[in-house]
């Protein structure tokens, strides 16, 4: 089986895949339509900013998809803190505005990594900001997220990812990516593995049989 490409997530900006300016431009133009459809499927939500801010959380729960709810919160509470994650012992805040922006970057990055319309993305990670960024980013571009317990052994991971037809798998670190590589012969739809933590990336790329990780 040919090597599986490995890409690190560029955590500073929430981007998922490295690509050239020309390829990113092509993907960007092709994905924006999917993003618009995800945000405005039937135009039930008024485009008037004043009326939009009057939506109650109860109304949002019953009328919006998760990507739409994130968009609404980003517009209503742009500078308010949505999530905090501890890094090096310090809680780092993420505002609703940046949450939505980074989720869009993740979605576009997944498309740049080869995720097709309606594609399935597996996530093999502990609870962290990148998990929800992947879920919302995947939804923004019309994909489906499949969560896998990070404590699962290789055979269980292979079973879930194979039955989910996962084409891209987000792995928290080398430990998780090694499990996916161990199971890759059972994952015929797998196109790319994305690592959140860069530690051990060189070894993982070498094992995957990719020289440049692209």
N, C-alpha and C. Protein backbone atom coordinates (compact mmCIF):
# COMPACT_ATOMS: atom_id res chain seq x y z
N UNK A 1 0.85 -1.20 0.00
CA UNK A 1 0.00 0.00 0.00
C UNK A 1 0.88 1.24 0.00
N UNK A 2 0.54 2.21 -0.83
CA UNK A 2 1.37 3.41 -0.90
C UNK A 2 1.28 4.21 0.39
N UNK A 3 2.26 5.09 0.57
CA UNK A 3 2.33 5.86 1.80
C UNK A 3 1.13 6.76 2.00
N UNK A 4 0.81 7.01 3.26
CA UNK A 4 -0.29 7.91 3.62
C UNK A 4 0.29 9.26 3.97
N UNK A 5 -0.12 10.34 3.29
CA UNK A 5 0.43 11.66 3.60
C UNK A 5 0.13 12.09 5.02
N UNK A 6 1.08 12.77 5.63
CA UNK A 6 0.93 13.27 6.99
C UNK A 6 1.05 14.78 6.96
N UNK A 7 0.12 15.48 7.61
CA UNK A 7 0.20 16.94 7.72
C UNK A 7 0.07 17.37 9.16
N UNK A 8 0.93 18.27 9.64
CA UNK A 8 0.75 18.83 10.98
C UNK A 8 -0.27 19.95 10.95
N UNK A 9 -1.05 20.11 12.01
CA UNK A 9 -1.92 21.27 12.13
C UNK A 9 -1.07 22.46 12.54
N UNK A 10 -1.24 23.59 11.86
CA UNK A 10 -0.52 24.80 12.23
C UNK A 10 -1.35 25.51 13.29
N UNK A 11 -1.04 25.22 14.55
CA UNK A 11 -1.92 25.57 15.65
C UNK A 11 -2.06 27.07 15.85
N UNK A 12 -1.05 27.85 15.47
CA UNK A 12 -1.12 29.29 15.72
C UNK A 12 -2.30 29.93 15.01
N UNK A 13 -2.66 29.39 13.83
CA UNK A 13 -3.74 29.98 13.06
C UNK A 13 -4.89 29.03 12.82
N UNK A 14 -4.80 27.81 13.35
CA UNK A 14 -5.89 26.86 13.19
C UNK A 14 -5.95 26.24 11.82
N UNK A 15 -4.90 26.39 10.99
CA UNK A 15 -4.93 25.79 9.66
C UNK A 15 -4.55 24.33 9.77
N UNK A 16 -5.05 23.53 8.85
CA UNK A 16 -4.83 22.10 8.94
C UNK A 16 -3.74 21.63 7.99
N UNK A 17 -3.72 22.12 6.77
CA UNK A 17 -2.79 21.56 5.79
C UNK A 17 -1.95 22.65 5.13
N UNK A 18 -0.70 22.32 4.86
CA UNK A 18 0.14 23.23 4.12
C UNK A 18 -0.17 23.11 2.64
N UNK A 19 -0.21 24.22 1.92
CA UNK A 19 -0.43 24.17 0.49
C UNK A 19 0.12 25.44 -0.13
N UNK A 20 0.33 25.39 -1.44
CA UNK A 20 0.85 26.56 -2.13
C UNK A 20 -0.25 27.60 -2.25
N UNK A 21 0.16 28.84 -2.57
CA UNK A 21 -0.84 29.92 -2.70
C UNK A 21 -1.84 29.61 -3.79
N UNK A 22 -1.37 29.04 -4.92
CA UNK A 22 -2.28 28.76 -6.03
C UNK A 22 -3.28 27.68 -5.67
N UNK A 23 -2.79 26.59 -5.01
CA UNK A 23 -3.71 25.50 -4.66
C UNK A 23 -4.70 25.94 -3.61
N UNK A 24 -4.25 26.76 -2.63
CA UNK A 24 -5.17 27.27 -1.62
C UNK A 24 -6.24 28.14 -2.25
N UNK A 25 -5.84 28.95 -3.24
CA UNK A 25 -6.81 29.83 -3.91
C UNK A 25 -7.86 29.00 -4.62
N UNK A 26 -7.42 27.93 -5.31
CA UNK A 26 -8.38 27.08 -6.01
C UNK A 26 -9.34 26.41 -5.04
N UNK A 27 -8.80 25.88 -3.94
CA UNK A 27 -9.65 25.22 -2.94
C UNK A 27 -10.59 26.23 -2.32
N UNK A 28 -10.08 27.43 -1.99
CA UNK A 28 -10.88 28.46 -1.35
C UNK A 28 -12.10 28.80 -2.20
N UNK A 29 -11.90 29.00 -3.51
CA UNK A 29 -13.02 29.36 -4.37
C UNK A 29 -14.01 28.23 -4.51
N UNK A 30 -13.52 26.98 -4.48
CA UNK A 30 -14.41 25.85 -4.63
C UNK A 30 -15.19 25.51 -3.38
N UNK A 31 -14.70 25.93 -2.22
CA UNK A 31 -15.32 25.56 -0.95
C UNK A 31 -16.28 26.62 -0.45
N UNK A 32 -16.10 27.86 -0.86
CA UNK A 32 -16.94 28.93 -0.32
C UNK A 32 -18.42 28.67 -0.55
N UNK A 33 -18.75 28.04 -1.67
CA UNK A 33 -20.16 27.73 -1.93
C UNK A 33 -20.68 26.77 -0.88
N UNK A 34 -19.87 25.76 -0.52
CA UNK A 34 -20.30 24.80 0.52
C UNK A 34 -20.47 25.49 1.85
N UNK A 35 -19.57 26.44 2.16
CA UNK A 35 -19.68 27.17 3.42
C UNK A 35 -20.97 27.98 3.44
N UNK A 36 -21.27 28.65 2.32
CA UNK A 36 -22.50 29.47 2.27
C UNK A 36 -23.73 28.58 2.43
N UNK A 37 -23.73 27.40 1.79
CA UNK A 37 -24.88 26.50 1.92
C UNK A 37 -25.04 26.02 3.35
N UNK A 38 -23.92 25.76 4.02
CA UNK A 38 -24.00 25.30 5.41
C UNK A 38 -24.57 26.37 6.31
N UNK A 39 -24.27 27.63 6.00
CA UNK A 39 -24.72 28.72 6.84
C UNK A 39 -26.13 29.19 6.49
N UNK A 40 -26.54 29.07 5.24
CA UNK A 40 -27.86 29.55 4.81
C UNK A 40 -28.57 28.48 3.97
N UNK A 41 -28.99 27.36 4.57
CA UNK A 41 -29.60 26.29 3.79
C UNK A 41 -30.97 26.63 3.23
N UNK A 42 -31.77 27.41 3.92
CA UNK A 42 -33.11 27.70 3.42
C UNK A 42 -33.55 29.12 3.67
N UNK A 43 -32.58 29.99 4.04
CA UNK A 43 -32.86 31.42 4.24
C UNK A 43 -33.93 31.68 5.29
N UNK A 44 -34.07 30.77 6.26
CA UNK A 44 -35.04 31.01 7.32
C UNK A 44 -34.55 32.09 8.28
N UNK A 45 -33.23 32.32 8.31
CA UNK A 45 -32.68 33.32 9.22
C UNK A 45 -32.53 34.63 8.50
N UNK A 46 -33.12 35.67 9.03
CA UNK A 46 -33.06 36.98 8.40
C UNK A 46 -31.62 37.46 8.29
N UNK A 47 -31.30 38.14 7.19
CA UNK A 47 -29.97 38.70 7.02
C UNK A 47 -29.86 40.09 7.63
N UNK A 48 -30.95 40.56 8.21
CA UNK A 48 -30.92 41.85 8.90
C UNK A 48 -30.20 41.68 10.22
N UNK A 49 -29.03 42.34 10.40
CA UNK A 49 -28.26 42.15 11.64
C UNK A 49 -29.06 42.42 12.90
N UNK A 50 -29.97 43.43 12.84
CA UNK A 50 -30.73 43.78 14.03
C UNK A 50 -31.68 42.66 14.42
N UNK A 51 -32.37 42.07 13.43
CA UNK A 51 -33.31 40.99 13.75
C UNK A 51 -32.55 39.72 14.11
N UNK A 52 -31.35 39.51 13.52
CA UNK A 52 -30.58 38.32 13.81
C UNK A 52 -30.14 38.28 15.27
N UNK A 53 -29.79 39.43 15.81
CA UNK A 53 -29.33 39.46 17.19
C UNK A 53 -30.45 39.22 18.18
N UNK A 54 -31.71 39.26 17.71
CA UNK A 54 -32.83 39.04 18.59
C UNK A 54 -33.18 37.57 18.76
N UNK A 55 -32.47 36.69 18.02
CA UNK A 55 -32.71 35.26 18.17
C UNK A 55 -32.33 34.82 19.59
N UNK A 56 -33.25 34.13 20.24
CA UNK A 56 -32.92 33.59 21.56
C UNK A 56 -32.13 32.30 21.38
N UNK A 57 -31.44 31.86 22.44
CA UNK A 57 -30.72 30.61 22.36
C UNK A 57 -31.66 29.45 22.10
N UNK A 58 -32.91 29.54 22.61
CA UNK A 58 -33.88 28.49 22.38
C UNK A 58 -34.24 28.40 20.90
N UNK A 59 -34.43 29.58 20.26
CA UNK A 59 -34.73 29.60 18.83
C UNK A 59 -33.55 29.06 18.03
N UNK A 60 -32.33 29.44 18.42
CA UNK A 60 -31.15 28.96 17.72
C UNK A 60 -31.05 27.44 17.80
N UNK A 61 -31.41 26.88 18.95
CA UNK A 61 -31.30 25.44 19.15
C UNK A 61 -32.18 24.67 18.18
N UNK A 62 -33.37 25.22 17.89
CA UNK A 62 -34.33 24.48 17.07
C UNK A 62 -34.30 24.86 15.60
N UNK A 63 -33.60 25.91 15.21
CA UNK A 63 -33.64 26.34 13.82
C UNK A 63 -32.29 26.33 13.12
N UNK A 64 -31.20 26.18 13.86
CA UNK A 64 -29.88 26.29 13.25
C UNK A 64 -29.07 25.01 13.38
N UNK A 65 -28.20 24.79 12.40
CA UNK A 65 -27.22 23.72 12.50
C UNK A 65 -26.09 24.19 13.43
N UNK A 66 -25.21 23.28 13.81
CA UNK A 66 -24.09 23.66 14.67
C UNK A 66 -23.19 24.73 14.02
N UNK A 67 -22.84 24.59 12.73
CA UNK A 67 -22.05 25.67 12.11
C UNK A 67 -22.79 27.01 12.11
N UNK A 68 -24.10 26.97 11.90
CA UNK A 68 -24.88 28.21 11.93
C UNK A 68 -24.89 28.82 13.32
N UNK A 69 -25.02 27.97 14.34
CA UNK A 69 -25.02 28.48 15.71
C UNK A 69 -23.68 29.13 16.05
N UNK A 70 -22.60 28.53 15.58
CA UNK A 70 -21.29 29.13 15.82
C UNK A 70 -21.19 30.48 15.13
N UNK A 71 -21.68 30.57 13.91
CA UNK A 71 -21.68 31.84 13.19
C UNK A 71 -22.47 32.91 13.93
N UNK A 72 -23.65 32.52 14.43
CA UNK A 72 -24.49 33.47 15.16
C UNK A 72 -23.80 33.96 16.42
N UNK A 73 -23.21 33.05 17.17
CA UNK A 73 -22.50 33.44 18.39
C UNK A 73 -21.31 34.34 18.07
N UNK A 74 -20.62 34.06 16.98
CA UNK A 74 -19.48 34.89 16.59
C UNK A 74 -19.91 36.30 16.25
N UNK A 75 -21.11 36.44 15.70
CA UNK A 75 -21.61 37.77 15.36
C UNK A 75 -22.19 38.48 16.58
N UNK A 76 -22.83 37.73 17.46
CA UNK A 76 -23.47 38.33 18.63
C UNK A 76 -22.48 38.63 19.75
N UNK A 77 -21.48 37.76 19.92
CA UNK A 77 -20.58 37.85 21.06
C UNK A 77 -19.12 37.71 20.59
N UNK A 78 -18.77 38.50 19.61
CA UNK A 78 -17.47 38.36 18.93
C UNK A 78 -16.30 38.31 19.90
N UNK A 79 -16.25 39.22 20.86
CA UNK A 79 -15.09 39.34 21.74
C UNK A 79 -15.24 38.55 23.04
N UNK A 80 -16.39 37.90 23.24
CA UNK A 80 -16.59 37.11 24.47
C UNK A 80 -15.84 35.79 24.38
N UNK A 81 -15.41 35.29 25.52
CA UNK A 81 -14.65 34.04 25.56
C UNK A 81 -15.59 32.85 25.36
N UNK A 82 -15.25 32.00 24.41
CA UNK A 82 -16.03 30.79 24.14
C UNK A 82 -15.42 29.57 24.80
N UNK A 83 -14.10 29.44 24.74
CA UNK A 83 -13.40 28.27 25.24
C UNK A 83 -12.08 28.72 25.88
N UNK A 84 -11.67 28.00 26.91
CA UNK A 84 -10.32 28.19 27.45
C UNK A 84 -9.60 26.84 27.44
N UNK A 85 -8.34 26.86 27.06
CA UNK A 85 -7.54 25.64 27.06
C UNK A 85 -6.20 25.93 27.74
N UNK A 86 -5.80 25.04 28.62
CA UNK A 86 -4.55 25.25 29.36
C UNK A 86 -3.35 24.84 28.51
N UNK A 87 -2.40 25.75 28.37
CA UNK A 87 -1.17 25.48 27.66
C UNK A 87 0.00 25.96 28.52
N UNK A 88 0.91 25.04 28.82
CA UNK A 88 2.06 25.35 29.68
C UNK A 88 1.61 25.94 31.02
N UNK A 89 0.51 25.41 31.54
CA UNK A 89 0.03 25.82 32.85
C UNK A 89 -0.80 27.09 32.87
N UNK A 90 -1.05 27.69 31.71
CA UNK A 90 -1.81 28.95 31.65
C UNK A 90 -3.05 28.74 30.79
N UNK A 91 -4.19 29.19 31.32
CA UNK A 91 -5.44 29.07 30.56
C UNK A 91 -5.46 30.12 29.45
N UNK A 92 -5.53 29.66 28.21
CA UNK A 92 -5.55 30.54 27.05
C UNK A 92 -6.99 30.64 26.52
N UNK A 93 -7.53 31.87 26.42
CA UNK A 93 -8.91 32.03 25.96
C UNK A 93 -9.02 32.02 24.43
N UNK A 94 -10.17 31.58 23.96
CA UNK A 94 -10.51 31.65 22.54
C UNK A 94 -11.87 32.31 22.43
N UNK A 95 -11.96 33.46 21.77
CA UNK A 95 -13.22 34.17 21.66
C UNK A 95 -14.11 33.52 20.60
N UNK A 96 -15.39 33.88 20.64
CA UNK A 96 -16.32 33.35 19.65
C UNK A 96 -15.91 33.75 18.24
N UNK A 97 -15.41 34.99 18.09
CA UNK A 97 -14.98 35.44 16.76
C UNK A 97 -13.84 34.61 16.22
N UNK A 98 -12.83 34.37 17.07
CA UNK A 98 -11.68 33.58 16.63
C UNK A 98 -12.06 32.10 16.48
N UNK A 99 -12.98 31.64 17.29
CA UNK A 99 -13.48 30.26 17.19
C UNK A 99 -14.04 30.02 15.78
N UNK A 100 -14.90 30.91 15.35
CA UNK A 100 -15.51 30.78 14.02
C UNK A 100 -14.46 30.91 12.92
N UNK A 101 -13.55 31.87 13.08
CA UNK A 101 -12.51 32.07 12.07
C UNK A 101 -11.61 30.84 11.94
N UNK A 102 -11.19 30.30 13.07
CA UNK A 102 -10.31 29.13 13.02
C UNK A 102 -11.05 27.90 12.49
N UNK A 103 -12.33 27.76 12.82
CA UNK A 103 -13.10 26.64 12.28
C UNK A 103 -13.18 26.71 10.76
N UNK A 104 -13.33 27.93 10.23
CA UNK A 104 -13.33 28.09 8.78
C UNK A 104 -11.99 27.69 8.19
N UNK A 105 -10.90 28.08 8.85
CA UNK A 105 -9.56 27.71 8.38
C UNK A 105 -9.39 26.19 8.35
N UNK A 106 -9.89 25.54 9.41
CA UNK A 106 -9.78 24.09 9.47
C UNK A 106 -10.56 23.45 8.32
N UNK A 107 -11.77 23.93 8.08
CA UNK A 107 -12.58 23.39 6.99
C UNK A 107 -11.90 23.55 5.64
N UNK A 108 -11.36 24.73 5.38
CA UNK A 108 -10.66 24.96 4.12
C UNK A 108 -9.40 24.10 4.03
N UNK A 109 -8.72 23.93 5.16
CA UNK A 109 -7.54 23.09 5.17
C UNK A 109 -7.86 21.63 4.88
N UNK A 110 -8.99 21.16 5.40
CA UNK A 110 -9.41 19.79 5.12
C UNK A 110 -9.71 19.61 3.64
N UNK A 111 -10.33 20.59 3.04
CA UNK A 111 -10.58 20.52 1.60
C UNK A 111 -9.25 20.51 0.84
N UNK A 112 -8.31 21.33 1.28
CA UNK A 112 -6.99 21.35 0.64
C UNK A 112 -6.29 20.01 0.80
N UNK A 113 -6.62 19.29 1.89
CA UNK A 113 -6.02 17.98 2.14
C UNK A 113 -6.72 16.87 1.36
N UNK A 114 -7.77 17.21 0.60
CA UNK A 114 -8.43 16.22 -0.24
C UNK A 114 -9.79 15.76 0.22
N UNK A 115 -10.37 16.39 1.25
CA UNK A 115 -11.69 15.99 1.71
C UNK A 115 -12.75 16.38 0.67
N UNK A 116 -13.52 15.42 0.15
CA UNK A 116 -14.54 15.74 -0.85
C UNK A 116 -15.84 16.20 -0.20
N UNK A 117 -16.80 16.60 -1.03
CA UNK A 117 -18.13 16.94 -0.54
C UNK A 117 -18.71 15.72 0.19
N UNK A 118 -19.20 15.95 1.44
CA UNK A 118 -19.79 14.87 2.20
C UNK A 118 -18.77 13.88 2.75
N UNK A 119 -17.49 14.23 2.69
CA UNK A 119 -16.45 13.33 3.17
C UNK A 119 -16.48 13.16 4.68
N UNK A 120 -15.89 12.07 5.16
CA UNK A 120 -15.89 11.74 6.58
C UNK A 120 -14.51 11.96 7.19
N UNK A 121 -14.48 12.63 8.34
CA UNK A 121 -13.24 12.95 9.04
C UNK A 121 -13.25 12.26 10.40
N UNK A 122 -12.28 11.41 10.66
CA UNK A 122 -12.15 10.78 11.97
C UNK A 122 -11.32 11.66 12.89
N UNK A 123 -11.65 11.65 14.17
CA UNK A 123 -10.89 12.42 15.18
C UNK A 123 -10.48 11.47 16.28
N UNK A 124 -9.18 11.37 16.51
CA UNK A 124 -8.62 10.47 17.51
C UNK A 124 -7.79 11.32 18.47
N UNK A 125 -8.46 11.84 19.50
CA UNK A 125 -7.81 12.82 20.37
C UNK A 125 -8.56 12.92 21.70
N UNK A 126 -7.82 13.37 22.73
CA UNK A 126 -8.46 13.74 23.98
C UNK A 126 -9.24 15.04 23.77
N UNK A 127 -10.03 15.45 24.78
CA UNK A 127 -10.76 16.71 24.70
C UNK A 127 -9.78 17.87 24.60
N UNK A 128 -9.95 18.71 23.58
CA UNK A 128 -9.12 19.88 23.39
C UNK A 128 -9.77 20.76 22.33
N UNK A 129 -9.28 22.00 22.22
CA UNK A 129 -9.86 22.96 21.29
C UNK A 129 -9.84 22.42 19.86
N UNK A 130 -8.76 21.77 19.47
CA UNK A 130 -8.64 21.29 18.09
C UNK A 130 -9.73 20.27 17.74
N UNK A 131 -10.25 19.57 18.76
CA UNK A 131 -11.32 18.60 18.50
C UNK A 131 -12.56 19.33 17.98
N UNK A 132 -13.00 20.35 18.72
CA UNK A 132 -14.22 21.05 18.31
C UNK A 132 -13.99 21.90 17.07
N UNK A 133 -12.77 22.40 16.88
CA UNK A 133 -12.47 23.13 15.65
C UNK A 133 -12.60 22.20 14.45
N UNK A 134 -12.16 20.96 14.61
CA UNK A 134 -12.31 19.99 13.53
C UNK A 134 -13.78 19.68 13.26
N UNK A 135 -14.55 19.47 14.34
CA UNK A 135 -15.97 19.15 14.16
C UNK A 135 -16.71 20.27 13.44
N UNK A 136 -16.53 21.51 13.91
CA UNK A 136 -17.24 22.63 13.31
C UNK A 136 -16.69 22.96 11.93
N UNK A 137 -15.37 22.87 11.77
CA UNK A 137 -14.77 23.14 10.46
C UNK A 137 -15.23 22.14 9.42
N UNK A 138 -15.31 20.87 9.81
CA UNK A 138 -15.79 19.84 8.89
C UNK A 138 -17.24 20.11 8.49
N UNK A 139 -18.06 20.49 9.46
CA UNK A 139 -19.45 20.81 9.16
C UNK A 139 -19.61 22.00 8.24
N UNK A 140 -18.74 22.99 8.38
CA UNK A 140 -18.82 24.19 7.56
C UNK A 140 -18.61 23.89 6.07
N UNK A 141 -17.83 22.85 5.76
CA UNK A 141 -17.60 22.51 4.36
C UNK A 141 -18.39 21.28 3.93
N UNK A 142 -19.41 20.93 4.70
CA UNK A 142 -20.31 19.86 4.30
C UNK A 142 -19.82 18.46 4.58
N UNK A 143 -18.85 18.33 5.51
CA UNK A 143 -18.35 17.01 5.85
C UNK A 143 -18.99 16.45 7.12
N UNK A 144 -18.59 15.24 7.49
CA UNK A 144 -19.14 14.55 8.66
C UNK A 144 -17.98 14.15 9.57
N UNK A 145 -18.11 14.45 10.87
CA UNK A 145 -17.06 14.12 11.84
C UNK A 145 -17.40 12.82 12.56
N UNK A 146 -16.39 11.97 12.71
CA UNK A 146 -16.56 10.69 13.40
C UNK A 146 -15.54 10.65 14.55
N UNK A 147 -16.03 10.68 15.79
CA UNK A 147 -15.14 10.64 16.93
C UNK A 147 -14.76 9.21 17.31
N UNK A 148 -13.49 9.02 17.68
CA UNK A 148 -12.99 7.71 18.10
C UNK A 148 -12.33 7.87 19.46
N UNK A 149 -12.63 6.96 20.39
CA UNK A 149 -12.02 7.05 21.72
C UNK A 149 -10.51 6.93 21.60
N UNK A 150 -9.75 7.89 22.16
CA UNK A 150 -8.28 7.82 22.07
C UNK A 150 -7.68 6.67 22.86
N UNK A 151 -8.46 6.08 23.77
CA UNK A 151 -7.97 4.93 24.54
C UNK A 151 -8.21 3.61 23.83
N UNK A 152 -8.86 3.65 22.68
CA UNK A 152 -9.17 2.41 21.95
C UNK A 152 -7.90 1.79 21.37
N UNK A 153 -7.82 0.46 21.36
CA UNK A 153 -6.70 -0.22 20.71
C UNK A 153 -6.84 -0.18 19.19
N UNK A 154 -5.81 -0.61 18.50
CA UNK A 154 -5.78 -0.51 17.04
C UNK A 154 -6.94 -1.22 16.37
N UNK A 155 -7.29 -2.43 16.83
CA UNK A 155 -8.36 -3.17 16.16
C UNK A 155 -9.70 -2.46 16.26
N UNK A 156 -9.98 -1.81 17.39
CA UNK A 156 -11.24 -1.08 17.54
C UNK A 156 -11.23 0.19 16.69
N UNK A 157 -10.10 0.86 16.64
CA UNK A 157 -9.97 2.06 15.80
C UNK A 157 -10.18 1.70 14.33
N UNK A 158 -9.58 0.60 13.91
CA UNK A 158 -9.74 0.14 12.52
C UNK A 158 -11.20 -0.14 12.21
N UNK A 159 -11.90 -0.78 13.14
CA UNK A 159 -13.32 -1.12 12.93
C UNK A 159 -14.16 0.14 12.73
N UNK A 160 -13.99 1.12 13.63
CA UNK A 160 -14.81 2.34 13.56
C UNK A 160 -14.49 3.14 12.30
N UNK A 161 -13.21 3.37 12.04
CA UNK A 161 -12.82 4.21 10.89
C UNK A 161 -13.18 3.54 9.56
N UNK A 162 -13.05 2.22 9.50
CA UNK A 162 -13.39 1.53 8.26
C UNK A 162 -14.89 1.59 7.99
N UNK A 163 -15.70 1.36 9.01
CA UNK A 163 -17.15 1.40 8.83
C UNK A 163 -17.66 2.82 8.60
N UNK A 164 -16.88 3.81 9.04
CA UNK A 164 -17.27 5.21 8.83
C UNK A 164 -16.77 5.75 7.50
N UNK A 165 -16.02 4.93 6.75
CA UNK A 165 -15.44 5.39 5.48
C UNK A 165 -14.62 6.66 5.67
N UNK A 166 -13.82 6.72 6.73
CA UNK A 166 -13.02 7.91 7.02
C UNK A 166 -11.96 8.12 5.94
N UNK A 167 -11.91 9.36 5.44
CA UNK A 167 -10.93 9.70 4.39
C UNK A 167 -9.78 10.53 4.94
N UNK A 168 -10.04 11.28 5.99
CA UNK A 168 -9.00 12.04 6.69
C UNK A 168 -9.15 11.72 8.17
N UNK A 169 -8.03 11.51 8.86
CA UNK A 169 -8.06 11.24 10.29
C UNK A 169 -7.18 12.25 11.02
N UNK A 170 -7.77 12.94 12.00
CA UNK A 170 -7.05 13.89 12.83
C UNK A 170 -6.55 13.16 14.07
N UNK A 171 -5.24 13.10 14.27
CA UNK A 171 -4.65 12.41 15.41
C UNK A 171 -3.99 13.43 16.34
N UNK A 172 -4.17 13.22 17.63
CA UNK A 172 -3.62 14.17 18.59
C UNK A 172 -2.09 14.16 18.60
N UNK A 173 -1.49 12.98 18.51
CA UNK A 173 -0.04 12.88 18.65
C UNK A 173 0.47 11.62 17.97
N UNK A 174 1.76 11.34 18.17
CA UNK A 174 2.37 10.18 17.53
C UNK A 174 1.74 8.88 18.00
N UNK A 175 1.37 8.79 19.27
CA UNK A 175 0.75 7.57 19.79
C UNK A 175 -0.50 7.22 19.00
N UNK A 176 -1.35 8.23 18.75
CA UNK A 176 -2.60 7.98 18.04
C UNK A 176 -2.36 7.72 16.55
N UNK A 177 -1.43 8.47 15.95
CA UNK A 177 -1.15 8.26 14.52
C UNK A 177 -0.54 6.88 14.27
N UNK A 178 0.24 6.37 15.24
CA UNK A 178 0.80 5.02 15.09
C UNK A 178 -0.30 3.97 15.01
N UNK A 179 -1.37 4.16 15.79
CA UNK A 179 -2.48 3.21 15.74
C UNK A 179 -3.14 3.21 14.36
N UNK A 180 -3.31 4.41 13.80
CA UNK A 180 -3.93 4.50 12.47
C UNK A 180 -3.02 3.87 11.42
N UNK A 181 -1.72 4.12 11.53
CA UNK A 181 -0.78 3.52 10.59
C UNK A 181 -0.77 2.00 10.70
N UNK A 182 -0.91 1.50 11.92
CA UNK A 182 -0.98 0.04 12.12
C UNK A 182 -2.21 -0.55 11.43
N UNK A 183 -3.25 0.26 11.30
CA UNK A 183 -4.52 -0.23 10.74
C UNK A 183 -4.73 0.19 9.29
N UNK A 184 -3.76 0.85 8.67
CA UNK A 184 -4.04 1.46 7.37
C UNK A 184 -4.40 0.45 6.28
N UNK A 185 -3.92 -0.80 6.38
CA UNK A 185 -4.31 -1.80 5.39
C UNK A 185 -5.79 -2.14 5.45
N UNK A 186 -6.43 -1.77 6.57
CA UNK A 186 -7.87 -2.02 6.72
C UNK A 186 -8.71 -0.78 6.44
N UNK A 187 -8.05 0.28 5.99
CA UNK A 187 -8.73 1.57 5.76
C UNK A 187 -8.56 1.98 4.30
N UNK A 188 -9.33 1.39 3.41
CA UNK A 188 -9.15 1.66 1.97
C UNK A 188 -9.49 3.08 1.56
N UNK A 189 -10.30 3.79 2.34
CA UNK A 189 -10.69 5.15 1.96
C UNK A 189 -9.75 6.22 2.52
N UNK A 190 -8.80 5.82 3.34
CA UNK A 190 -7.92 6.79 4.01
C UNK A 190 -7.04 7.51 2.99
N UNK A 191 -7.11 8.86 3.03
CA UNK A 191 -6.29 9.69 2.14
C UNK A 191 -5.15 10.38 2.88
N UNK A 192 -5.44 10.82 4.11
CA UNK A 192 -4.45 11.64 4.80
C UNK A 192 -4.63 11.54 6.31
N UNK A 193 -3.50 11.59 7.01
CA UNK A 193 -3.48 11.67 8.47
C UNK A 193 -2.98 13.06 8.85
N UNK A 194 -3.67 13.72 9.76
CA UNK A 194 -3.27 15.06 10.23
C UNK A 194 -2.91 14.96 11.71
N UNK A 195 -1.74 15.43 12.08
CA UNK A 195 -1.29 15.41 13.47
C UNK A 195 -1.44 16.79 14.10
N UNK A 196 -1.98 16.83 15.32
CA UNK A 196 -2.12 18.09 16.06
C UNK A 196 -0.78 18.47 16.70
N UNK A 197 -0.19 17.54 17.44
CA UNK A 197 1.09 17.80 18.08
C UNK A 197 2.22 17.41 17.12
N UNK A 198 3.22 18.28 17.01
CA UNK A 198 4.29 18.06 16.05
C UNK A 198 5.39 17.14 16.58
N UNK A 199 5.42 16.89 17.88
CA UNK A 199 6.46 16.03 18.44
C UNK A 199 6.34 14.62 17.86
N UNK A 200 7.44 14.10 17.35
CA UNK A 200 7.43 12.78 16.74
C UNK A 200 6.96 12.77 15.31
N UNK A 201 6.75 13.98 14.73
CA UNK A 201 6.21 14.06 13.37
C UNK A 201 7.16 13.43 12.35
N UNK A 202 8.47 13.66 12.50
CA UNK A 202 9.42 13.13 11.53
C UNK A 202 9.36 11.61 11.48
N UNK A 203 9.29 10.97 12.66
CA UNK A 203 9.23 9.52 12.70
C UNK A 203 7.94 9.00 12.07
N UNK A 204 6.84 9.71 12.34
CA UNK A 204 5.55 9.29 11.78
C UNK A 204 5.55 9.42 10.26
N UNK A 205 6.10 10.53 9.76
CA UNK A 205 6.16 10.73 8.31
C UNK A 205 7.02 9.67 7.65
N UNK A 206 8.15 9.34 8.29
CA UNK A 206 9.02 8.31 7.73
C UNK A 206 8.31 6.95 7.68
N UNK A 207 7.58 6.64 8.75
CA UNK A 207 6.88 5.38 8.78
C UNK A 207 5.75 5.32 7.76
N UNK A 208 5.12 6.48 7.53
CA UNK A 208 4.01 6.53 6.58
C UNK A 208 4.49 6.45 5.13
N UNK A 209 5.80 6.61 4.94
CA UNK A 209 6.35 6.52 3.59
C UNK A 209 6.20 7.78 2.79
N UNK A 210 6.12 8.95 3.47
CA UNK A 210 6.03 10.23 2.78
C UNK A 210 7.26 11.05 3.12
N UNK A 211 7.91 11.55 2.11
CA UNK A 211 9.15 12.27 2.31
C UNK A 211 8.96 13.70 2.77
N UNK A 212 7.92 14.37 2.23
CA UNK A 212 7.77 15.79 2.55
C UNK A 212 6.53 16.08 3.37
N UNK A 213 5.68 15.09 3.61
CA UNK A 213 4.50 15.27 4.44
C UNK A 213 3.36 15.99 3.75
N UNK A 214 3.48 16.25 2.43
CA UNK A 214 2.41 16.99 1.74
C UNK A 214 1.49 16.03 1.02
